[in-house]
Amino acid sequence: MAPNKQKKYDNPFSATLTGIMDLFRKQVPAGELKPTDRLDGKTVLVDGASSGLGFAIAIDVARRGARVIMACRSGIPGQGEKVKKLSGNQDVHMLHVDFADINSIKSLVKNLSASTQAGSMAKIDILICNAGIVPKQSRKTLQGLEEMFMVNYFSKFIFVNLLIGNRCFSDSGTENLKPMIPRIIFVASESHRNPEKFEWVNFGKYQDYTIGKSIELYGYYKLLLTTFSVELSRRLNPGSTTNYSVFSLCPGPVNSNIAREAPKVFIPLLKLVFGIFFKSPANAAIPVVYLAASGDVEEKPFDYLFLMSRKAVDEKAADPGNGKQLWTMSEELWRKTDRYGLQ
């Protein structure tokens, strides 16, 4: 990035303006989400599904016939009952997880693994990693990490690797139904293009910040997430074989509660702007559900969408050297923090 290039996501105002402008840019759709794109007999796990975008995704995939697992920190069981009512699908389940806590993630995966081995719950066909936060200030997790780093990136690295390691994904489909290659979908952001570089020296180290820095860090953690998604696809799909489809996307600006921790003085203005210009969670869910349900992307090893348009990820995220470095450092941090958390 050139030194004089203006950053688009380094404060709440520029981020909001960029989000509005993105909605008015001409897009070439990669495809279309059709009513016939069904998920009957498929198990879909959606995290961060108790409100906002995740809640809308859960409703849509439930309407399409999926068995839905809502992995959430709050809203149990009320939000699951709402999804059942709004979708007309009773096969909706809620499981507790706190993505700021490694032990909570491990507990969720342990329960999922035990349930699938016992036959009381089907294996996962589609995983939608949606949970994210924009805190007003830094907070330290149980394992001593910064909370937004943990929730928006590092928890995904741990969660996905544990699910794969514990054989929680299905690769055979259900009886009399066409098998589906498992799909892993990450809700990322176009703000992943904003950081100038990776901060390898300070990777995973706790740092204090306030709301003025949180938007900039949000983009940086989305860069980590997008880089991880590309590297994950490389590792899961060596050669020309697609064992897992790994997708990443930016759903565009969403009128959700992700900015709930903004300074109180700005909340009325943000609610007004979000309500007028930003997409409703139901509309923002369309590209996510497209990647989950459409046959257009069947057997693709990787894809990235901005709204409904296909784009290349930022060159920093696509670089194999960066992907390998991120994976190695994430593994090392996991070993270090996991020991700390179990003491």
Protein backbone atom coordinates (compact mmCIF):
# COMPACT_ATOMS: atom_id res chain seq x y z
CA MET A 1 0.00 0.00 0.00
CA ALA A 2 1.35 3.41 -0.91
CA PRO A 3 2.10 5.68 2.05
CA ASN A 4 -0.37 8.33 0.90
CA LYS A 5 -3.20 5.90 0.23
CA GLN A 6 -6.14 6.68 2.48
CA LYS A 7 -7.28 3.81 4.61
CA LYS A 8 -10.95 2.96 4.24
CA TYR A 9 -11.60 1.21 7.54
CA ASP A 10 -9.39 2.88 10.14
CA ASN A 11 -12.21 4.62 12.04
CA PRO A 12 -15.99 4.17 12.46
CA PHE A 13 -16.87 7.06 10.14
CA SER A 14 -14.68 6.02 7.18
CA ALA A 15 -15.77 2.40 7.64
CA THR A 16 -19.45 3.39 7.55
CA LEU A 17 -18.94 5.63 4.51
CA THR A 18 -17.06 2.89 2.67
CA GLY A 19 -19.84 0.43 3.44
CA ILE A 20 -22.44 2.78 1.99
CA MET A 21 -20.39 3.44 -1.15
CA ASP A 22 -19.87 -0.29 -1.70
CA LEU A 23 -23.62 -0.81 -1.98
CA PHE A 24 -23.84 1.54 -4.95
CA ARG A 25 -20.95 0.08 -6.94
CA LYS A 26 -21.93 -2.02 -9.92
CA GLN A 27 -21.54 -5.72 -9.22
CA VAL A 28 -21.50 -8.71 -11.57
CA PRO A 29 -23.30 -11.57 -9.78
CA ALA A 30 -21.41 -14.85 -9.54
CA GLY A 31 -24.70 -16.68 -9.53
CA GLU A 32 -28.20 -16.67 -8.10
CA LEU A 33 -29.64 -18.17 -4.94
CA LYS A 34 -32.73 -20.05 -6.10
CA PRO A 35 -35.74 -21.39 -4.16
CA THR A 36 -34.77 -24.81 -5.51
CA ASP A 37 -31.39 -24.67 -3.73
CA ARG A 38 -32.40 -27.02 -0.95
CA LEU A 39 -30.54 -28.45 2.04
CA ASP A 40 -32.82 -31.35 2.90
CA GLY A 41 -30.97 -33.98 4.92
CA LYS A 42 -27.93 -31.73 5.43
CA THR A 43 -26.62 -30.59 8.81
CA VAL A 44 -25.59 -26.94 8.98
CA LEU A 45 -23.77 -25.47 11.98
CA VAL A 46 -24.00 -21.69 12.23
CA ASP A 47 -22.07 -19.92 14.97
CA GLY A 48 -22.91 -16.48 16.32
CA ALA A 49 -26.49 -17.32 15.34
CA SER A 50 -28.46 -15.77 18.19
CA SER A 51 -28.84 -12.37 16.49
CA GLY A 52 -28.09 -10.30 13.40
CA LEU A 53 -26.62 -11.99 10.34
CA GLY A 54 -26.16 -15.38 12.00
CA PHE A 55 -29.80 -15.48 13.08
CA ALA A 56 -30.95 -14.63 9.53
CA ILE A 57 -28.68 -17.34 8.09
CA ALA A 58 -30.11 -19.90 10.52
CA ILE A 59 -33.66 -19.06 9.45
CA ASP A 60 -32.86 -19.29 5.74
CA VAL A 61 -31.02 -22.62 5.86
CA ALA A 62 -33.76 -24.03 8.12
CA ARG A 63 -36.38 -22.99 5.54
CA ARG A 64 -34.38 -24.90 2.96
CA GLY A 65 -34.76 -28.10 4.96
CA ALA A 66 -31.47 -28.26 6.82
CA ARG A 67 -30.92 -29.69 10.26
CA VAL A 68 -29.60 -26.56 11.99
CA ILE A 69 -27.19 -26.32 14.91
CA MET A 70 -26.94 -22.81 16.34
CA ALA A 71 -23.71 -22.45 18.34
CA CYS A 72 -24.10 -19.37 20.51
CA ARG A 73 -23.01 -17.70 23.71
CA SER A 74 -26.51 -16.41 24.53
CA GLY A 75 -30.14 -16.67 23.45
CA ILE A 76 -30.55 -20.32 24.45
CA PRO A 77 -33.19 -21.68 23.94
CA GLY A 78 -35.37 -18.70 22.98
CA GLN A 79 -33.67 -17.80 19.71
CA GLY A 80 -33.77 -21.39 18.55
CA GLU A 81 -37.50 -21.50 19.17
CA LYS A 82 -37.89 -18.34 17.07
CA VAL A 83 -35.98 -19.95 14.21
CA LYS A 84 -38.28 -22.97 14.39
CA LYS A 85 -41.35 -20.75 14.26
CA LEU A 86 -40.11 -18.46 11.49
CA SER A 87 -38.78 -21.28 9.31
CA GLY A 88 -41.42 -23.92 9.94
CA ASN A 89 -38.59 -26.39 10.62
CA GLN A 90 -38.49 -28.09 14.02
CA ASP A 91 -35.07 -29.68 13.47
CA VAL A 92 -33.21 -26.75 15.04
CA HIS A 93 -30.82 -27.17 17.97
CA MET A 94 -28.85 -24.72 20.12
CA LEU A 95 -25.48 -25.43 21.73
CA HIS A 96 -23.55 -23.12 24.02
CA VAL A 97 -20.09 -21.86 23.17
CA ASP A 98 -18.03 -18.83 24.15
CA PHE A 99 -15.53 -18.18 21.36
CA ALA A 100 -13.46 -16.04 23.70
CA ASP A 101 -12.57 -19.16 25.69
CA ILE A 102 -10.52 -22.04 24.28
CA ASN A 103 -11.91 -24.44 26.87
CA SER A 104 -15.48 -23.62 25.80
CA ILE A 105 -14.60 -24.35 22.17
CA LYS A 106 -13.03 -27.66 23.16
CA SER A 107 -16.13 -28.54 25.17
CA LEU A 108 -18.42 -27.83 22.22
CA VAL A 109 -16.34 -30.00 19.88
CA LYS A 110 -16.21 -32.78 22.47
CA ASN A 111 -20.01 -32.73 22.74
CA LEU A 112 -20.43 -32.69 18.97
CA SER A 113 -18.00 -35.56 18.53
CA ALA A 114 -19.66 -37.65 21.23
CA SER A 115 -23.11 -37.00 19.78
CA THR A 116 -22.10 -37.97 16.26
CA GLN A 117 -20.33 -41.13 17.44
CA ALA A 118 -23.39 -42.10 19.47
CA GLY A 119 -25.62 -41.49 16.47
CA SER A 120 -27.77 -38.91 18.23
CA MET A 121 -26.62 -36.14 15.91
CA ALA A 122 -25.55 -36.24 12.27
CA LYS A 123 -22.12 -35.04 11.23
CA ILE A 124 -21.68 -31.54 9.88
CA ASP A 125 -22.12 -31.00 6.15
CA ILE A 126 -21.78 -27.21 6.20
CA LEU A 127 -20.03 -25.02 8.76
CA ILE A 128 -20.72 -21.28 8.71
CA CYS A 129 -18.24 -19.33 10.84
CA ASN A 130 -20.03 -16.05 11.44
CA ALA A 131 -19.37 -14.97 15.04
CA GLY A 132 -17.59 -11.63 15.36
CA ILE A 133 -17.33 -8.59 17.61
CA VAL A 134 -16.25 -4.94 17.47
CA PRO A 135 -15.58 -4.04 21.12
CA LYS A 136 -15.27 -0.47 22.33
CA GLN A 137 -11.99 -1.33 24.02
CA SER A 138 -9.56 -4.18 24.49
CA ARG A 139 -10.47 -6.98 26.88
CA LYS A 140 -8.36 -9.88 28.07
CA THR A 141 -9.68 -13.43 27.72
CA LEU A 142 -9.28 -16.28 30.20
CA GLN A 143 -6.20 -17.42 28.29
CA GLY A 144 -4.68 -13.91 28.30
CA LEU A 145 -5.44 -13.04 24.67
CA GLU A 146 -7.18 -9.97 23.31
CA GLU A 147 -10.88 -10.73 22.88
CA MET A 148 -11.43 -9.44 19.32
CA PHE A 149 -8.33 -11.31 18.09
CA MET A 150 -9.65 -14.45 19.74
CA VAL A 151 -13.27 -14.24 18.57
CA ASN A 152 -12.72 -12.84 15.08
CA TYR A 153 -9.75 -15.01 14.08
CA PHE A 154 -8.04 -17.36 16.50
CA SER A 155 -11.20 -19.17 17.64
CA LYS A 156 -11.87 -20.07 14.00
CA PHE A 157 -8.42 -21.62 13.64
CA ILE A 158 -8.95 -23.70 16.77
CA PHE A 159 -12.59 -24.61 16.10
CA VAL A 160 -12.12 -25.77 12.52
CA ASN A 161 -9.00 -27.78 13.29
CA LEU A 162 -10.68 -29.47 16.25
CA LEU A 163 -13.76 -30.32 14.17
CA ILE A 164 -11.60 -31.86 11.46
CA GLY A 165 -9.36 -33.67 13.94
CA ASN A 166 -12.38 -35.16 15.72
CA ARG A 167 -14.03 -36.25 12.46
CA CYS A 168 -17.08 -34.07 12.97
CA PHE A 169 -17.57 -33.42 9.24
CA SER A 170 -19.55 -35.70 6.98
CA ASP A 171 -18.24 -36.79 3.60
CA SER A 172 -20.89 -39.31 2.70
CA GLY A 173 -24.20 -37.47 2.71
CA THR A 174 -27.36 -39.21 3.88
CA GLU A 175 -29.07 -42.30 2.56
CA ASN A 176 -30.72 -41.85 -0.86
CA LEU A 177 -29.36 -38.30 -1.11
CA LYS A 178 -26.45 -37.15 -3.24
CA PRO A 179 -23.30 -36.82 -1.11
CA MET A 180 -22.03 -33.30 -0.55
CA ILE A 181 -18.40 -32.37 -0.15
CA PRO A 182 -18.27 -30.61 3.25
CA ARG A 183 -18.33 -26.83 3.00
CA ILE A 184 -16.61 -24.44 5.40
CA ILE A 185 -17.72 -20.83 5.04
CA PHE A 186 -16.06 -17.85 6.72
CA VAL A 187 -17.84 -14.51 7.03
CA ALA A 188 -14.95 -12.14 6.39
CA SER A 189 -14.84 -8.55 5.15
CA GLU A 190 -13.46 -6.39 2.36
CA SER A 191 -11.67 -4.55 5.16
CA HIS A 192 -9.13 -7.39 5.01
CA ARG A 193 -7.51 -5.39 2.17
CA ASN A 194 -6.80 -2.38 4.35
CA PRO A 195 -3.78 -3.43 6.49
CA GLU A 196 -0.40 -2.65 4.95
CA LYS A 197 1.33 -5.73 6.32
CA PHE A 198 1.25 -8.57 8.82
CA GLU A 199 2.46 -7.80 12.34
CA TRP A 200 4.27 -11.09 12.90
CA VAL A 201 6.42 -9.79 15.79
CA ASN A 202 3.35 -8.92 17.86
CA PHE A 203 1.20 -11.85 16.71
CA GLY A 204 -1.18 -12.89 19.48
CA LYS A 205 0.24 -10.45 22.01
CA TYR A 206 -2.29 -8.57 24.11
CA GLN A 207 -2.49 -4.86 23.39
CA ASP A 208 -4.61 -2.12 24.91
CA TYR A 209 -6.82 -0.04 22.61
CA THR A 210 -10.02 1.99 22.55
CA ILE A 211 -12.81 2.38 19.98
CA GLY A 212 -10.61 4.53 17.75
CA LYS A 213 -8.32 1.57 17.12
CA SER A 214 -10.95 -1.19 17.11
CA ILE A 215 -12.11 -0.64 13.53
CA GLU A 216 -8.55 -0.76 12.22
CA LEU A 217 -7.87 -3.96 14.16
CA TYR A 218 -11.15 -5.42 12.90
CA GLY A 219 -9.78 -5.19 9.35
CA TYR A 220 -6.47 -6.70 10.41
CA TYR A 221 -8.14 -9.68 12.05
CA LYS A 222 -10.24 -10.17 8.92
CA LEU A 223 -6.97 -10.28 6.98
CA LEU A 224 -5.82 -13.08 9.29
CA LEU A 225 -9.14 -14.87 8.81
CA THR A 226 -9.06 -14.56 5.02
CA THR A 227 -5.42 -15.71 4.88
CA PHE A 228 -6.35 -18.69 7.05
CA SER A 229 -9.24 -19.61 4.75
CA VAL A 230 -6.94 -19.67 1.71
CA GLU A 231 -4.27 -21.70 3.52
CA LEU A 232 -6.89 -24.08 4.92
CA SER A 233 -8.08 -24.84 1.39
CA ARG A 234 -4.48 -25.48 0.29
CA ARG A 235 -3.92 -27.97 3.09
CA LEU A 236 -7.26 -29.76 2.79
CA ASN A 237 -7.18 -29.98 -0.99
CA PRO A 238 -3.71 -31.01 -2.17
CA GLY A 239 -3.31 -31.67 -5.85
CA SER A 240 -6.47 -31.66 -7.93
CA THR A 241 -8.79 -33.35 -5.41
CA THR A 242 -11.41 -31.34 -3.53
CA ASN A 243 -11.97 -32.88 -0.11
CA TYR A 244 -13.53 -29.76 1.44
CA SER A 245 -14.90 -26.62 -0.18
CA VAL A 246 -13.57 -23.62 1.73
CA PHE A 247 -15.36 -20.34 1.05
CA SER A 248 -14.90 -16.82 2.34
CA LEU A 249 -17.01 -13.75 1.71
CA CYS A 250 -17.86 -10.21 2.60
CA PRO A 251 -21.65 -9.87 2.89
CA GLY A 252 -21.39 -6.08 2.64
CA PRO A 253 -22.52 -3.62 5.31
CA VAL A 254 -25.14 -5.23 7.51
CA ASN A 255 -27.72 -3.53 9.71
CA SER A 256 -26.94 -5.72 12.71
CA ASN A 257 -25.93 -5.23 16.33
CA ILE A 258 -22.20 -5.66 15.73
CA ALA A 259 -21.68 -1.97 16.59
CA ARG A 260 -23.56 -2.29 19.87
CA GLU A 261 -20.47 -1.24 21.82
CA ALA A 262 -20.02 2.04 19.95
CA PRO A 263 -19.96 5.19 22.15
CA LYS A 264 -23.48 5.97 23.32
CA VAL A 265 -23.38 9.41 21.76
CA PHE A 266 -22.99 7.84 18.29
CA ILE A 267 -25.51 5.00 18.63
CA PRO A 268 -28.63 7.00 17.53
CA LEU A 269 -26.77 8.25 14.43
CA LEU A 270 -25.39 4.79 13.62
CA LYS A 271 -28.83 3.22 13.98
CA LEU A 272 -30.26 5.83 11.60
CA VAL A 273 -27.50 5.36 9.01
CA PHE A 274 -27.56 1.57 9.31
CA GLY A 275 -31.34 1.50 8.96
CA ILE A 276 -31.34 3.68 5.83
CA PHE A 277 -28.29 2.47 3.94
CA PHE A 278 -27.19 -0.91 5.24
CA LYS A 279 -28.61 -4.26 4.20
CA SER A 280 -31.03 -6.11 6.43
CA PRO A 281 -29.58 -9.32 7.90
CA ALA A 282 -31.96 -11.33 5.70
CA ASN A 283 -30.64 -9.72 2.51
CA ALA A 284 -27.03 -9.88 3.69
CA ALA A 285 -27.48 -13.61 4.32
CA ILE A 286 -28.10 -14.31 0.61
CA PRO A 287 -24.44 -14.73 -0.48
CA VAL A 288 -23.73 -16.84 2.62
CA VAL A 289 -26.64 -19.18 1.90
CA TYR A 290 -25.68 -19.23 -1.79
CA LEU A 291 -22.27 -20.64 -0.86
CA ALA A 292 -23.95 -23.10 1.51
CA ALA A 293 -26.71 -24.38 -0.76
CA SER A 294 -25.99 -23.69 -4.43
CA GLY A 295 -24.83 -26.37 -6.80
CA ASP A 296 -22.89 -23.70 -8.70
CA VAL A 297 -19.98 -24.02 -6.29
CA GLU A 298 -20.05 -27.78 -5.81
CA GLU A 299 -16.53 -29.27 -5.71
CA LYS A 300 -14.84 -25.87 -5.80
CA PRO A 301 -11.83 -25.92 -3.46
CA PHE A 302 -12.02 -22.18 -2.73
CA ASP A 303 -14.09 -19.13 -3.53
CA TYR A 304 -14.38 -15.55 -2.30
CA LEU A 305 -17.42 -13.36 -2.79
CA PHE A 306 -17.99 -9.69 -2.17
CA LEU A 307 -21.78 -9.36 -1.89
CA MET A 308 -22.73 -11.72 -4.76
CA SER A 309 -19.70 -10.94 -6.93
CA ARG A 310 -16.64 -13.16 -7.22
CA LYS A 311 -13.34 -11.45 -6.42
CA ALA A 312 -9.75 -12.37 -5.78
CA VAL A 313 -8.68 -11.99 -2.17
CA ASP A 314 -6.02 -9.44 -1.31
CA GLU A 315 -2.56 -10.50 -2.52
CA LYS A 316 -1.28 -10.63 1.07
CA ALA A 317 -3.96 -13.19 1.94
CA ALA A 318 -3.28 -15.21 -1.20
CA ASP A 319 0.49 -15.42 -0.67
CA PRO A 320 1.47 -19.03 0.28
CA GLY A 321 4.34 -17.77 2.42
CA ASN A 322 2.00 -15.68 4.53
CA GLY A 323 -0.41 -18.59 4.81
CA LYS A 324 2.31 -20.93 6.03
CA GLN A 325 3.63 -18.35 8.49
CA LEU A 326 0.17 -17.67 9.90
CA TRP A 327 -0.53 -21.40 10.31
CA THR A 328 2.77 -22.06 12.08
CA MET A 329 2.41 -19.11 14.45
CA SER A 330 -1.22 -19.98 15.17
CA GLU A 331 -0.27 -23.55 16.08
CA GLU A 332 2.47 -22.28 18.40
CA LEU A 333 0.12 -19.81 20.07
CA TRP A 334 -2.52 -22.52 20.48
CA ARG A 335 -0.08 -24.82 22.27
CA LYS A 336 1.03 -21.99 24.56
CA THR A 337 -2.41 -20.63 25.45
CA ASP A 338 -4.07 -24.03 25.74
CA ARG A 339 -1.59 -25.04 28.45
CA TYR A 340 -2.25 -21.75 30.22
CA GLY A 341 -5.99 -22.23 30.07
CA LEU A 342 -5.86 -25.72 31.52
CA GLN A 343 -3.81 -24.76 34.58
